Protein backbone atom coordinates (compact mmCIF):
# COMPACT_ATOMS: atom_id res chain seq x y z
CA MET A 1 0.00 0.00 0.00
CA PRO A 2 1.13 3.61 -0.43
CA LEU A 3 2.74 4.80 2.78
CA SER A 4 0.89 7.26 4.99
CA ARG A 5 0.26 10.60 3.36
CA VAL A 6 -0.04 13.76 5.45
CA SER A 7 -1.77 16.95 4.31
CA PHE A 8 -0.50 20.10 5.96
CA LYS A 9 -2.45 23.35 5.97
CA LEU A 10 -0.46 26.35 4.90
CA LEU A 11 -2.44 29.17 6.45
CA GLY A 12 -5.73 27.54 5.60
CA ILE A 13 -4.88 25.82 2.30
CA SER A 14 -4.27 22.09 2.20
CA LEU A 15 -1.28 21.09 0.14
CA PRO A 16 -2.12 17.54 -0.91
CA GLY A 17 0.04 14.70 0.10
CA LEU A 18 2.97 16.48 1.63
CA VAL A 19 5.03 13.52 2.84
CA LEU A 20 7.38 13.77 5.79
CA LEU A 21 9.50 10.74 5.13
CA ALA A 22 12.91 12.36 4.86
CA SER A 23 15.77 10.23 6.11
CA SER A 24 18.33 11.75 8.43
CA GLY A 25 20.41 14.21 6.49
CA GLY A 26 18.06 14.31 3.50
CA CYS A 27 20.90 13.56 1.06
CA GLY A 28 22.60 10.54 -0.39
CA LYS A 29 25.59 9.11 1.46
CA THR A 30 29.09 9.79 0.14
CA PRO A 31 32.41 8.51 1.46
CA SER A 32 32.76 11.74 3.48
CA GLY A 33 29.23 11.56 4.91
CA PRO A 34 25.93 13.16 3.93
CA ALA A 35 26.07 16.23 1.75
CA PRO A 36 25.15 19.44 3.61
CA HIS A 37 21.46 20.40 3.61
CA TYR A 38 20.79 23.66 5.41
CA ALA A 39 17.84 25.17 7.26
CA VAL A 40 17.72 28.54 9.02
CA LEU A 41 15.95 28.62 12.38
CA ARG A 42 14.52 31.73 13.98
CA PHE A 43 17.21 33.68 15.84
CA GLU A 44 16.95 34.71 19.49
CA ASN A 45 16.95 38.31 20.66
CA LEU A 46 19.48 38.44 23.51
CA SER A 47 19.79 42.22 23.48
CA GLY A 48 17.11 42.84 26.11
CA ASP A 49 15.53 45.33 23.69
CA PRO A 50 12.09 44.14 22.43
CA SER A 51 12.32 46.59 19.54
CA LEU A 52 14.91 44.26 18.00
CA ASP A 53 12.62 41.20 18.00
CA TRP A 54 11.86 41.81 14.32
CA ILE A 55 15.50 41.15 13.40
CA ALA A 56 15.37 37.68 14.98
CA ARG A 57 12.23 36.88 12.98
CA ALA A 58 13.58 38.43 9.77
CA ALA A 59 16.69 36.22 9.86
CA ALA A 60 14.67 33.05 9.30
CA GLU A 61 12.75 34.74 6.45
CA THR A 62 15.56 36.51 4.59
CA LEU A 63 18.60 34.27 4.98
CA PRO A 64 17.12 31.18 3.18
CA ALA A 65 16.25 33.31 0.14
CA ALA A 66 19.66 35.00 0.14
CA LEU A 67 21.61 31.76 0.55
CA SER A 68 19.60 29.50 -1.78
CA GLY A 69 21.82 28.15 -4.54
CA THR A 70 24.96 29.76 -3.10
CA MET A 71 26.00 27.25 -0.42
CA ASN A 72 27.67 23.85 -0.77
CA GLY A 73 24.25 22.23 -0.38
CA PRO A 74 20.53 23.07 -0.66
CA VAL A 75 18.80 25.45 1.73
CA VAL A 76 15.29 24.62 2.94
CA THR A 77 12.92 27.49 2.17
CA ALA A 78 11.47 29.44 5.08
CA GLY A 79 7.96 28.51 3.95
CA ASN A 80 8.66 24.79 4.21
CA VAL A 81 10.00 25.08 7.75
CA GLU A 82 6.94 27.15 8.75
CA LEU A 83 4.63 24.67 7.03
CA ILE A 84 5.95 21.67 8.93
CA ALA A 85 6.23 23.57 12.21
CA ALA A 86 2.54 24.48 11.95
CA SER A 87 1.67 20.81 11.34
CA LEU A 88 3.49 19.93 14.56
CA GLY A 89 1.46 22.46 16.53
CA GLU A 90 4.21 25.08 16.70
CA ARG A 91 3.49 28.75 16.15
CA SER A 92 5.66 31.20 14.25
CA ALA A 93 5.49 33.79 17.03
CA ALA A 94 7.06 31.48 19.60
CA PRO A 95 10.59 32.57 20.57
CA GLY A 96 13.60 30.34 20.99
CA ILE A 97 16.41 28.81 18.98
CA SER A 98 14.90 25.30 19.09
CA THR A 99 11.31 26.22 18.17
CA GLN A 100 11.61 25.10 14.56
CA ARG A 101 14.32 22.48 15.04
CA SER A 102 12.11 19.40 14.61
CA ALA A 103 10.47 20.94 11.54
CA ALA A 104 13.84 21.60 9.92
CA LEU A 105 14.97 18.02 10.57
CA LEU A 106 11.76 16.65 9.06
CA ALA A 107 12.41 18.82 6.01
CA GLY A 108 15.68 16.92 5.55
CA ALA A 109 18.16 19.46 6.95
CA ASN A 110 21.39 18.21 8.51
CA ARG A 111 22.99 21.63 9.00
CA LEU A 112 21.05 24.04 11.22
CA ILE A 113 21.83 27.75 11.07
CA GLU A 114 20.87 29.19 14.44
CA GLY A 115 21.79 32.54 15.92
CA TYR A 116 21.10 35.50 18.13
CA VAL A 117 20.85 39.30 18.14
CA GLU A 118 22.86 41.52 20.50
CA LYS A 119 23.69 45.18 20.91
CA ALA A 120 27.27 46.40 20.58
CA GLY A 121 27.04 49.99 21.74
CA ASP A 122 24.85 51.72 19.18
CA ARG A 123 25.36 48.96 16.63
CA ILE A 124 23.60 45.64 15.95
CA ARG A 125 25.58 42.44 16.35
CA LEU A 126 24.37 39.25 14.66
CA THR A 127 25.90 35.85 15.33
CA ALA A 128 25.15 32.74 13.27
CA ILE A 129 26.05 29.23 14.44
CA VAL A 130 26.05 26.38 11.92
CA GLU A 131 25.40 23.09 13.73
CA ASP A 132 25.90 19.58 12.43
CA ALA A 133 22.53 18.07 13.36
CA ALA A 134 23.86 14.50 13.50
CA THR A 135 26.64 15.20 15.98
CA GLY A 136 25.41 18.38 17.66
CA LYS A 137 28.81 19.93 17.07
CA THR A 138 29.34 23.49 15.83
CA ALA A 139 30.64 23.51 12.26
CA ARG A 140 31.27 27.25 12.12
CA THR A 141 30.40 30.54 13.80
CA ASP A 142 30.09 33.91 12.09
CA THR A 143 29.53 37.34 13.66
CA VAL A 144 28.89 40.70 12.01
CA GLU A 145 28.13 44.20 13.26
CA ALA A 146 26.26 46.96 11.44
CA SER A 147 24.44 50.19 12.13
CA THR A 148 21.01 48.74 11.29
CA GLY A 149 19.32 45.36 11.51
CA SER A 150 18.81 45.19 7.74
CA ALA A 151 22.45 45.90 7.06
CA ALA A 152 23.49 43.30 9.63
CA LEU A 153 21.30 40.67 7.93
CA ARG A 154 22.78 41.48 4.53
CA ASP A 155 26.32 41.35 5.92
CA LEU A 156 25.65 38.04 7.68
CA ALA A 157 24.35 36.48 4.46
CA LYS A 158 27.54 37.61 2.69
CA ARG A 159 29.68 36.23 5.50
CA LEU A 160 27.95 32.83 5.26
CA SER A 161 28.29 32.87 1.45
CA PRO A 162 30.14 35.51 -0.58
CA SER A 163 27.70 34.74 -3.43
CA ALA A 164 24.60 35.47 -1.32
CA LYS A 165 21.75 37.08 -3.23
CA PRO A 166 20.58 40.62 -2.45
CA SER A 167 17.55 41.18 -0.26
CA LEU A 168 14.13 41.21 -1.95
CA THR A 169 13.69 44.75 -0.65
CA SER A 170 16.20 47.57 -0.39
CA ASP A 171 13.91 49.45 1.98
CA ASP A 172 14.97 48.84 5.57
CA GLY A 173 11.66 50.12 6.90
CA ALA A 174 9.68 47.71 4.67
CA LEU A 175 11.70 44.77 5.92
CA ARG A 176 11.14 45.81 9.53
CA LEU A 177 7.40 46.23 9.07
CA PHE A 178 7.17 42.88 7.27
CA ALA A 179 9.07 41.04 10.01
CA SER A 180 6.90 42.78 12.63
CA GLY A 181 3.73 41.32 11.10
CA GLN A 182 2.59 44.43 9.21
CA PRO A 183 2.72 43.40 5.52
CA ALA A 184 0.23 46.04 4.31
CA GLN A 185 2.35 48.83 5.78
CA ALA A 186 5.49 47.21 4.35
CA LEU A 187 3.93 47.30 0.87
CA GLU A 188 3.20 51.00 1.23
CA ARG A 189 6.95 51.52 1.45
CA ASP A 190 7.92 48.92 -1.17
CA PRO A 191 5.09 47.64 -3.43
CA HIS A 192 7.51 45.21 -5.12
CA PHE A 193 8.35 43.31 -1.93
CA GLY A 194 7.08 39.82 -2.79
CA PRO A 195 7.10 38.15 0.66
CA ALA A 196 4.93 40.98 2.00
CA TRP A 197 2.29 40.30 -0.68
CA LEU A 198 2.31 36.63 0.30
CA ALA A 199 1.99 37.44 3.99
CA LEU A 200 -0.90 39.83 3.32
CA GLU A 201 -3.00 37.44 1.24
CA ARG A 202 -2.34 34.54 3.60
CA THR A 203 -3.41 36.66 6.56
CA GLU A 204 -6.64 37.43 4.72
CA ARG A 205 -7.24 33.73 4.13
CA LEU A 206 -6.66 33.02 7.79
CA GLN A 207 -9.45 35.48 8.48
CA ASN A 208 -11.72 33.64 5.98
CA GLN A 209 -11.56 36.55 3.56
CA LYS A 210 -11.17 34.49 0.39
CA ASP A 211 -12.41 37.18 -2.02
CA GLU A 212 -10.08 39.75 -0.47
CA ALA A 213 -7.17 37.31 -0.69
CA LEU A 214 -7.82 36.64 -4.39
CA ALA A 215 -8.08 40.39 -5.01
CA THR A 216 -4.75 40.88 -3.23
CA ILE A 217 -3.17 38.27 -5.50
CA ASP A 218 -4.51 40.09 -8.56
CA ARG A 219 -3.00 43.37 -7.31
CA ALA A 220 0.28 41.65 -6.53
CA ARG A 221 0.54 40.31 -10.07
CA ALA A 222 0.48 43.87 -11.35
CA ALA A 223 3.66 44.59 -9.37
CA SER A 224 7.14 43.61 -10.51
CA LEU A 225 7.77 40.61 -8.27
CA ASP A 226 10.45 37.95 -8.09
CA PRO A 227 9.62 34.67 -9.93
CA LEU A 228 9.36 32.61 -6.73
CA THR A 229 6.77 34.92 -5.18
CA GLN A 230 4.78 34.92 -8.42
CA ALA A 231 4.73 31.11 -8.46
CA GLN A 232 3.74 30.98 -4.78
CA LEU A 233 0.88 33.38 -5.41
CA ASP A 234 -0.23 31.24 -8.35
CA LEU A 235 -0.21 28.19 -6.06
CA ASP A 236 -2.29 29.95 -3.41
CA ALA A 237 -4.83 31.18 -5.96
CA ALA A 238 -5.13 27.72 -7.52
CA ALA A 239 -5.61 26.13 -4.10
CA MET A 240 -8.38 28.57 -3.16
CA LYS A 241 -10.12 27.75 -6.44
CA SER A 242 -9.53 23.99 -5.99
CA ASP A 243 -7.81 24.00 -9.40
CA LYS A 244 -5.57 20.95 -9.04
CA PRO A 245 -3.90 21.17 -12.48
CA ALA A 246 -3.02 24.81 -11.81
CA MET A 247 -1.66 23.81 -8.40
CA ALA A 248 0.57 21.23 -10.04
CA ALA A 249 1.79 23.77 -12.59
CA ALA A 250 2.61 26.28 -9.85
CA LEU A 251 4.43 23.66 -7.80
CA ARG A 252 6.41 22.66 -10.89
CA LYS A 253 7.54 26.28 -11.24
CA ILE A 254 8.40 26.56 -7.54
CA SER A 255 10.39 23.32 -7.74
CA SER A 256 12.31 24.56 -10.79
CA LEU A 257 13.29 27.66 -8.81
CA ASN A 258 14.34 25.49 -5.86
CA PRO A 259 15.82 22.43 -7.59
CA ASP A 260 17.59 21.24 -4.45
CA ASP A 261 14.54 21.47 -2.20
CA ARG A 262 13.43 17.86 -1.90
CA LEU A 263 10.40 18.66 0.23
CA ILE A 264 8.94 20.76 -2.58
CA LEU A 265 9.76 17.99 -5.04
CA ARG A 266 7.93 15.46 -2.85
CA THR A 267 4.89 17.73 -2.71
CA LEU A 268 5.02 18.13 -6.48
CA ALA A 269 5.25 14.37 -7.02
CA GLU A 270 2.19 13.78 -4.82
CA THR A 271 0.22 16.57 -6.48
CA GLU A 272 1.00 15.27 -9.96
CA SER A 273 -0.33 11.86 -8.97
CA ALA A 274 -3.46 13.53 -7.57
CA VAL A 275 -4.14 15.18 -10.96
CA GLY A 276 -3.23 12.08 -12.98
CA ASN A 277 0.20 13.11 -14.28
CA PHE A 278 1.58 9.74 -13.27
CA SER A 279 4.58 9.73 -15.62
CA ALA A 280 5.71 13.14 -14.39
CA SER A 281 5.17 12.02 -10.81
CA ALA A 282 7.26 8.91 -11.43
CA GLY A 283 10.05 11.07 -12.82
CA ASP A 284 10.05 13.19 -9.68
CA TRP A 285 10.02 10.20 -7.34
CA GLN A 286 12.92 8.75 -9.32
CA LYS A 287 14.96 11.92 -8.73
CA LEU A 288 14.21 11.72 -5.03
CA ALA A 289 15.05 8.02 -4.81
CA GLU A 290 18.35 8.54 -6.63
CA ALA A 291 19.21 11.41 -4.28
CA THR A 292 18.31 9.42 -1.14
CA PRO A 293 18.57 5.75 -2.12
CA ALA A 294 18.41 4.50 1.46
CA ASP A 295 14.89 5.86 1.99
CA PRO A 296 12.49 2.92 1.41
CA ALA A 297 9.40 5.13 1.24
CA LEU A 298 10.69 6.78 -1.92
CA TRP A 299 11.03 3.45 -3.74
CA ASN A 300 7.51 2.52 -2.67
CA SER A 301 6.12 5.80 -4.01
CA LEU A 302 8.11 5.41 -7.22
CA GLY A 303 6.71 1.90 -7.65
CA TYR A 304 3.12 3.08 -7.36
CA ALA A 305 3.62 6.06 -9.66
CA ARG A 306 5.14 3.84 -12.33
CA GLY A 307 2.37 1.30 -11.85
CA TRP A 308 -0.31 3.98 -12.26
CA ALA A 309 1.50 5.16 -15.39
CA GLY A 310 1.35 1.65 -16.85
CA ASP A 311 5.05 0.84 -16.44
CA TYR A 312 4.71 -2.55 -14.77
CA ALA A 313 8.34 -3.62 -15.22
CA GLY A 314 9.63 -0.30 -13.89
CA ALA A 315 7.22 -0.45 -10.97
CA MET A 316 8.33 -3.92 -9.94
CA LYS A 317 11.98 -2.89 -10.22
CA ALA A 318 11.41 0.00 -7.81
CA LEU A 319 9.42 -2.18 -5.42
CA SER A 320 12.12 -4.83 -5.49
CA GLU A 321 14.52 -2.20 -4.17
CA TYR A 322 11.95 -1.34 -1.50
CA ALA A 323 11.76 -5.02 -0.54
CA ARG A 324 15.56 -5.23 -0.39
CA LEU A 325 15.62 -2.34 2.10
CA ARG A 326 12.74 -3.79 4.17
CA PRO A 327 12.95 -7.58 3.69
CA LYS A 328 10.97 -8.52 6.79
CA GLU A 329 8.06 -6.12 6.33
CA ALA A 330 4.75 -6.97 4.69
CA ASN A 331 4.20 -3.69 2.86
CA PRO A 332 6.68 -4.28 0.00
CA SER A 333 4.88 -7.53 -0.89
CA ASP A 334 1.50 -5.81 -0.55
CA SER A 335 2.65 -3.02 -2.88
CA MET A 336 3.84 -5.57 -5.43
CA GLY A 337 0.43 -7.21 -5.17
CA ASP A 338 -1.32 -3.90 -5.80
CA VAL A 339 0.81 -3.06 -8.84
CA SER A 340 0.30 -6.57 -10.25
CA TYR A 341 -3.47 -6.30 -9.68
CA LEU A 342 -3.57 -2.93 -11.45
CA ALA A 343 -1.75 -4.49 -14.40
CA GLY A 344 -4.29 -7.33 -14.58
CA LYS A 345 -1.69 -9.90 -13.50
CA PHE A 346 -3.97 -11.54 -10.96
CA PRO A 347 -2.08 -14.80 -10.25
CA GLU A 348 1.08 -12.78 -9.54
CA ALA A 349 -0.94 -10.38 -7.38
CA ALA A 350 -2.29 -13.26 -5.28
CA THR A 351 1.23 -14.61 -4.78
CA HIS A 352 2.56 -11.28 -3.57
CA TYR A 353 -0.40 -10.68 -1.26
CA LEU A 354 0.09 -14.10 0.33
CA GLU A 355 3.80 -13.30 0.79
CA GLY A 356 2.71 -10.22 2.71
CA ASP A 357 0.31 -12.24 4.84
CA THR A 358 3.08 -14.73 5.66
CA LYS A 359 5.37 -11.90 6.80
CA ASP A 360 2.71 -10.19 8.92
CA PRO A 361 -0.80 -11.71 9.19
CA GLU A 362 -2.02 -8.64 11.10
CA PHE A 363 -0.97 -6.23 8.35
CA LEU A 364 -4.00 -4.14 7.31
CA HIS A 365 -6.09 -6.26 9.70
CA ASN A 366 -5.50 -9.45 7.71
CA GLY A 367 -6.06 -7.38 4.59
CA ASP A 368 -3.63 -9.26 2.37
CA LEU A 369 -5.80 -12.37 2.68
CA TYR A 370 -8.79 -10.33 1.50
CA LYS A 371 -6.84 -8.89 -1.42
CA ALA A 372 -5.48 -12.31 -2.35
CA ALA A 373 -9.03 -13.68 -2.39
CA TRP A 374 -10.08 -11.07 -4.96
CA ALA A 375 -6.95 -11.66 -7.03
CA ARG A 376 -7.71 -15.41 -7.10
CA PHE A 377 -11.34 -14.72 -8.04
CA ARG A 378 -10.29 -12.40 -10.88
CA SER A 379 -7.92 -15.09 -12.13
CA GLY A 380 -10.82 -17.57 -12.37
CA ASP A 381 -10.06 -19.66 -9.27
CA ARG A 382 -13.35 -19.33 -7.38
CA ALA A 383 -12.71 -22.22 -5.01
CA GLY A 384 -9.31 -20.87 -4.07
CA ALA A 385 -10.79 -17.40 -3.69
CA ASP A 386 -13.48 -18.66 -1.31
CA SER A 387 -10.89 -20.50 0.75
CA LEU A 388 -8.81 -17.33 1.17
CA PHE A 389 -11.84 -15.18 1.93
CA ASN A 390 -12.99 -17.65 4.59
CA ARG A 391 -9.55 -17.46 6.21
CA PHE A 392 -9.88 -13.67 6.22
CA PHE A 393 -13.41 -13.85 7.62
CA ASP A 394 -12.45 -16.24 10.42
CA ALA A 395 -9.44 -14.12 11.40
CA ARG A 396 -11.54 -10.95 11.60
CA LYS A 397 -14.31 -12.69 13.57
CA THR A 398 -11.73 -13.97 16.04
CA ALA A 399 -10.43 -10.42 16.38
CA GLY A 400 -13.96 -9.23 17.29
CA ASP A 401 -14.61 -7.33 14.05
CA ASN A 402 -18.41 -7.09 13.75
CA LEU A 403 -18.17 -5.23 10.45
CA VAL A 404 -16.79 -8.30 8.70
CA VAL A 405 -20.35 -9.64 8.27
CA LEU A 406 -20.99 -6.71 5.90
CA ARG A 407 -17.91 -7.60 3.94
CA LYS A 408 -19.02 -11.23 3.71
CA GLY A 409 -22.36 -10.17 2.28
CA ASP A 410 -20.54 -8.00 -0.26
CA TRP A 411 -18.30 -10.96 -1.17
CA LEU A 412 -21.23 -13.31 -1.69
CA PHE A 413 -23.21 -10.81 -3.76
CA ARG A 414 -20.33 -9.78 -5.99
CA THR A 415 -19.19 -13.37 -6.61
CA GLY A 416 -22.62 -14.42 -7.86
CA ARG A 417 -24.48 -15.64 -4.77
CA GLN A 418 -27.07 -12.90 -4.40
CA LYS A 419 -29.66 -14.93 -2.46
CA GLU A 420 -27.09 -16.01 0.12
CA ALA A 421 -25.89 -12.44 0.39
CA GLU A 422 -29.40 -11.11 0.99
CA ALA A 423 -30.08 -13.76 3.63
CA ALA A 424 -26.89 -12.81 5.46
CA MET A 425 -27.80 -9.10 5.40
CA ARG A 426 -31.33 -9.73 6.64
CA GLN A 427 -29.98 -11.80 9.50
CA THR A 428 -27.68 -8.92 10.42
CA LEU A 429 -30.53 -6.42 10.08
CA ASN A 430 -32.66 -8.40 12.51
CA ASP A 431 -29.85 -9.07 15.00
CA GLU A 432 -30.23 -6.68 17.94
CA LYS A 433 -26.69 -7.57 19.06
CA ASN A 434 -25.39 -5.89 15.90
CA ALA A 435 -27.27 -2.64 16.44
CA ALA A 436 -24.22 -0.57 15.48
CA ILE A 437 -24.20 -1.93 11.92
CA ARG A 438 -27.90 -2.53 11.28
CA ALA A 439 -28.18 0.76 9.37
CA ASP A 440 -25.29 -0.27 7.10
CA ALA A 441 -26.93 -3.66 6.56
CA ALA A 442 -30.21 -1.97 5.61
CA ALA A 443 -28.38 0.35 3.20
CA GLN A 444 -26.66 -2.59 1.56
CA LEU A 445 -29.95 -4.43 1.08
CA VAL A 446 -31.56 -1.38 -0.49
CA ILE A 447 -28.67 -0.91 -2.90
CA TRP A 448 -28.69 -4.56 -3.97
CA GLU A 449 -32.45 -4.46 -4.51
CA LEU A 450 -32.08 -1.38 -6.69
CA ILE A 451 -29.33 -3.09 -8.70
CA ALA A 452 -31.71 -6.05 -9.15
CA GLY A 453 -34.41 -3.67 -10.37
CA ASP A 454 -36.80 -4.19 -7.44
CA ARG A 455 -37.45 -0.54 -6.51
CA GLU A 456 -40.64 -1.41 -4.59
CA LYS A 457 -38.82 -3.78 -2.27
CA ALA A 458 -35.97 -1.31 -1.90
CA SER A 459 -38.43 1.42 -0.94
CA VAL A 460 -39.87 -0.77 1.83
CA ASP A 461 -36.46 -1.59 3.28
CA ALA A 462 -35.39 2.06 3.03
CA ARG A 463 -38.28 3.09 5.28
CA ILE A 464 -37.29 0.79 8.15
CA ALA A 465 -37.76 2.95 11.24
CA GLY A 466 -35.39 3.49 14.12
CA LEU A 467 -32.16 3.13 12.21
CA GLN A 468 -29.32 5.59 12.52
CA ALA A 469 -28.89 7.80 9.46
CA VAL A 470 -25.35 6.76 8.55
CA PRO A 471 -24.00 8.09 5.21
CA SER A 472 -24.57 4.82 3.38
CA LEU A 473 -28.24 4.76 4.45
CA ILE A 474 -28.73 8.41 3.53
CA LEU A 475 -27.52 7.64 0.01
CA ALA A 476 -29.53 4.42 -0.21
CA ARG A 477 -32.75 6.08 0.92
CA PHE A 478 -32.32 8.84 -1.63
CA CYS A 479 -31.67 6.35 -4.43
CA ALA A 480 -34.78 4.37 -3.41
CA LEU A 481 -37.15 7.27 -4.09
CA PRO A 482 -39.69 6.62 -6.89
CA SER A 483 -38.37 6.49 -10.44
CA ALA A 484 -38.27 9.93 -12.04
CA SER A 485 -36.80 11.98 -14.85
CA ALA A 486 -33.24 13.24 -14.61
CA GLU A 487 -34.58 16.75 -14.01
CA GLU A 488 -36.71 15.55 -11.11
CA TRP A 489 -33.76 13.73 -9.55
CA GLN A 490 -31.78 16.96 -9.77
CA LYS A 491 -34.55 18.88 -7.99
CA ARG A 492 -34.79 16.23 -5.27
CA ALA A 493 -31.06 16.38 -4.64
CA GLU A 494 -31.10 20.16 -4.38
CA GLN A 495 -34.12 20.14 -2.05
CA LEU A 496 -32.88 17.39 0.28
CA MET A 497 -29.23 18.50 0.35
CA PRO A 498 -29.39 22.29 -0.11
CA LEU A 499 -26.31 23.48 1.81
CA PRO A 500 -23.09 24.40 -0.02
CA THR A 501 -21.23 22.14 2.40
CA MET A 502 -23.25 19.23 1.02
CA ASP A 503 -22.11 19.71 -2.58
CA GLY A 504 -20.00 16.55 -2.63
CA LEU A 505 -22.68 14.38 -1.01
CA ARG A 506 -25.39 15.85 -3.26
CA ARG A 507 -23.39 15.14 -6.41
CA LEU A 508 -22.61 11.60 -5.28
CA ALA A 509 -26.23 10.89 -4.34
CA LEU A 510 -27.43 12.17 -7.71
CA GLY A 511 -24.81 10.14 -9.56
CA TYR A 512 -25.81 6.88 -7.88
CA ALA A 513 -29.53 7.60 -8.15
CA LEU A 514 -29.36 8.22 -11.90
CA VAL A 515 -27.39 5.01 -12.50
CA LEU A 516 -29.75 2.93 -10.36
CA ASP A 517 -32.74 4.44 -12.20
CA HIS A 518 -31.13 3.61 -15.55
CA ARG A 519 -30.68 7.30 -16.50
CA ASN A 520 -27.19 6.59 -17.79
CA ALA A 521 -26.99 9.42 -20.31
CA ALA A 522 -27.79 11.95 -17.58
CA ALA A 523 -25.41 10.22 -15.18
CA ILE A 524 -22.35 10.53 -17.44
CA PRO A 525 -21.64 14.25 -16.85
CA ILE A 526 -22.30 13.80 -13.12
CA TRP A 527 -19.76 10.98 -12.83
CA ASN A 528 -17.25 12.84 -14.97
CA GLU A 529 -17.55 15.75 -12.53
CA ILE A 530 -17.21 13.40 -9.54
CA ALA A 531 -14.07 11.94 -11.12
CA LYS A 532 -12.74 15.42 -11.85
CA GLN A 533 -13.20 16.50 -8.24
CA ALA A 534 -11.67 13.31 -6.84
CA ALA A 535 -7.99 12.50 -6.76
CA ALA A 536 -6.80 10.78 -9.92
CA THR A 537 -6.01 7.72 -7.81
CA ASP A 538 -9.73 7.36 -6.98
CA PHE A 539 -10.15 4.71 -9.65
CA PHE A 540 -13.73 3.86 -8.64
CA ALA A 541 -15.11 7.21 -9.81
CA ARG A 542 -13.19 6.98 -13.08
CA ALA A 543 -14.26 3.39 -13.63
CA MET A 544 -17.91 4.39 -13.14
CA ALA A 545 -17.57 7.17 -15.72
CA ALA A 546 -15.84 4.80 -18.14
CA LYS A 547 -18.50 2.11 -17.74
CA LEU A 548 -21.30 4.58 -18.44
CA GLU A 549 -19.50 5.71 -21.59
CA GLY A 550 -18.97 2.11 -22.73
CA ARG A 551 -15.19 2.13 -22.51
CA LYS A 552 -12.64 0.21 -20.49
CA PRO A 553 -11.21 2.14 -17.53
CA LEU A 554 -7.51 2.90 -17.56
CA GLN A 555 -7.26 1.55 -14.00
CA ALA A 556 -9.62 -0.76 -12.13
CA PRO A 557 -10.17 -0.13 -8.41
CA LEU A 558 -8.00 -2.19 -6.09
CA PRO A 559 -9.66 -4.42 -3.50
CA ASP A 560 -9.90 -2.32 -0.33
CA SER A 561 -9.51 -4.26 2.90
CA VAL A 562 -10.01 -1.15 5.03
CA ALA A 563 -13.10 0.60 3.65
CA LEU A 564 -16.10 -1.12 2.08
CA ASN A 565 -18.02 0.64 -0.70
CA PRO A 566 -21.65 -0.61 -0.59
CA PHE A 567 -22.06 0.46 -4.22
CA GLY A 568 -19.07 -1.62 -5.34
CA ALA A 569 -21.28 -4.13 -7.18
CA LEU A 570 -22.21 -1.44 -9.72
CA LEU A 571 -18.88 -2.07 -11.43
CA ASP A 572 -19.27 -5.86 -11.61
């Protein structure tokens, strides 16, 4: 299975699939040790003068931009450190050298640039300490003095790297206002100061002022801004509009401007998979795996991306490297099973799934047995499939999993034993001991009856009183309403689910209802929209759209041992 994905919110916008799986050091090993990978932490103000706090904050913002591409290794952008720190519950206003330390390490840094602000008479003294994160030893220390904080920051950047880039603003007052949390006032002094535009629109989004934030981005584009800020603004605008292809394009630009920033490249690779650019995603994962070959998660991600792109041989090669790095774990075998299943190589898929079950029977709650059962069934071995499913069922019953009775009904129905499946669901529906899943059992019965064309019977079961309105039953009850025209189904959906927050549920309910009422022509645009809104790796939605259009889907849904879709039989 793909390893755990984590979505982090950057001031209110989710960046899909940002993966924090960086190995220590973030770079490939060389005979002399890991290559340097820098991150700048917020400096401390040791002067005793609160009016100099802004300098400590500005260091973490300005130094990464000034040093990027000029050191003997990549420099993590300030935004990435802030992004991860926020995900860990840290706040940017918190003082202290170590505040962002864990975030920087997760971003792959192995050299931490820390520091502090002091007064030297009427001058500002800045000291930077470069620490080797692996050993905790100081690699170097640099100190500068200047008449102003802005000049001290510029001088410190030059001391750390003679090739350091100039500041994005030449206005000392604008920099001070920006670092003090006053981006609007900073822009009054320097309207071309890109980071201030970003800070302003992100503050507006934090305050749920989406229209104002988009207007700010439009005004910012009229200014002469640096390319990185322009790309970041494009990303924010695309995210607010839920325009995934535009998000991927913006991330591609940001990555090209930060070619050594592996965290950005990971985010780009995940986003490209989410929009269906599997080949591009595979290329990015390959770069990451080559840069950090000892990180098993990268080989797993590369294997899936290649598999989604249709490169079965390449996928298995990547997953073989993953298995070499983690020979005792079940997930490499499970991933090989998934890629084989996607490629239609069902006997091979069953073999790999059973290898995973042998290594760890508890993996995915005995899920590899369930997956192997489906792989055997798809290969034409029904007896072998039943034997594996029964092993899965017995293991889950022993573990006290009451939900497995729903999965058994689904198995029976979808493998051609509809009467047995219905009897099992009715027994569950009438079993007071299974009160927690009776609503799901009722929903499943209704859906099967609609698939069988018995709308009258489905309507009766949908009206069973006293059952909790779980999502599956809400959808089933809606679909069991009397047969109607496509226009009438649309009106019903809008009347019963009127809130904007219900858009996704309303669209899904309408899509299922039209299919179950044999309004396939009207259902096609609905399912195409559902597929468009879903991640490209949601193969069920795309398979539904393909089936309605009479074509073979590019990818069939994998057997899911964790979540059960009660509408799964629609694809059989």
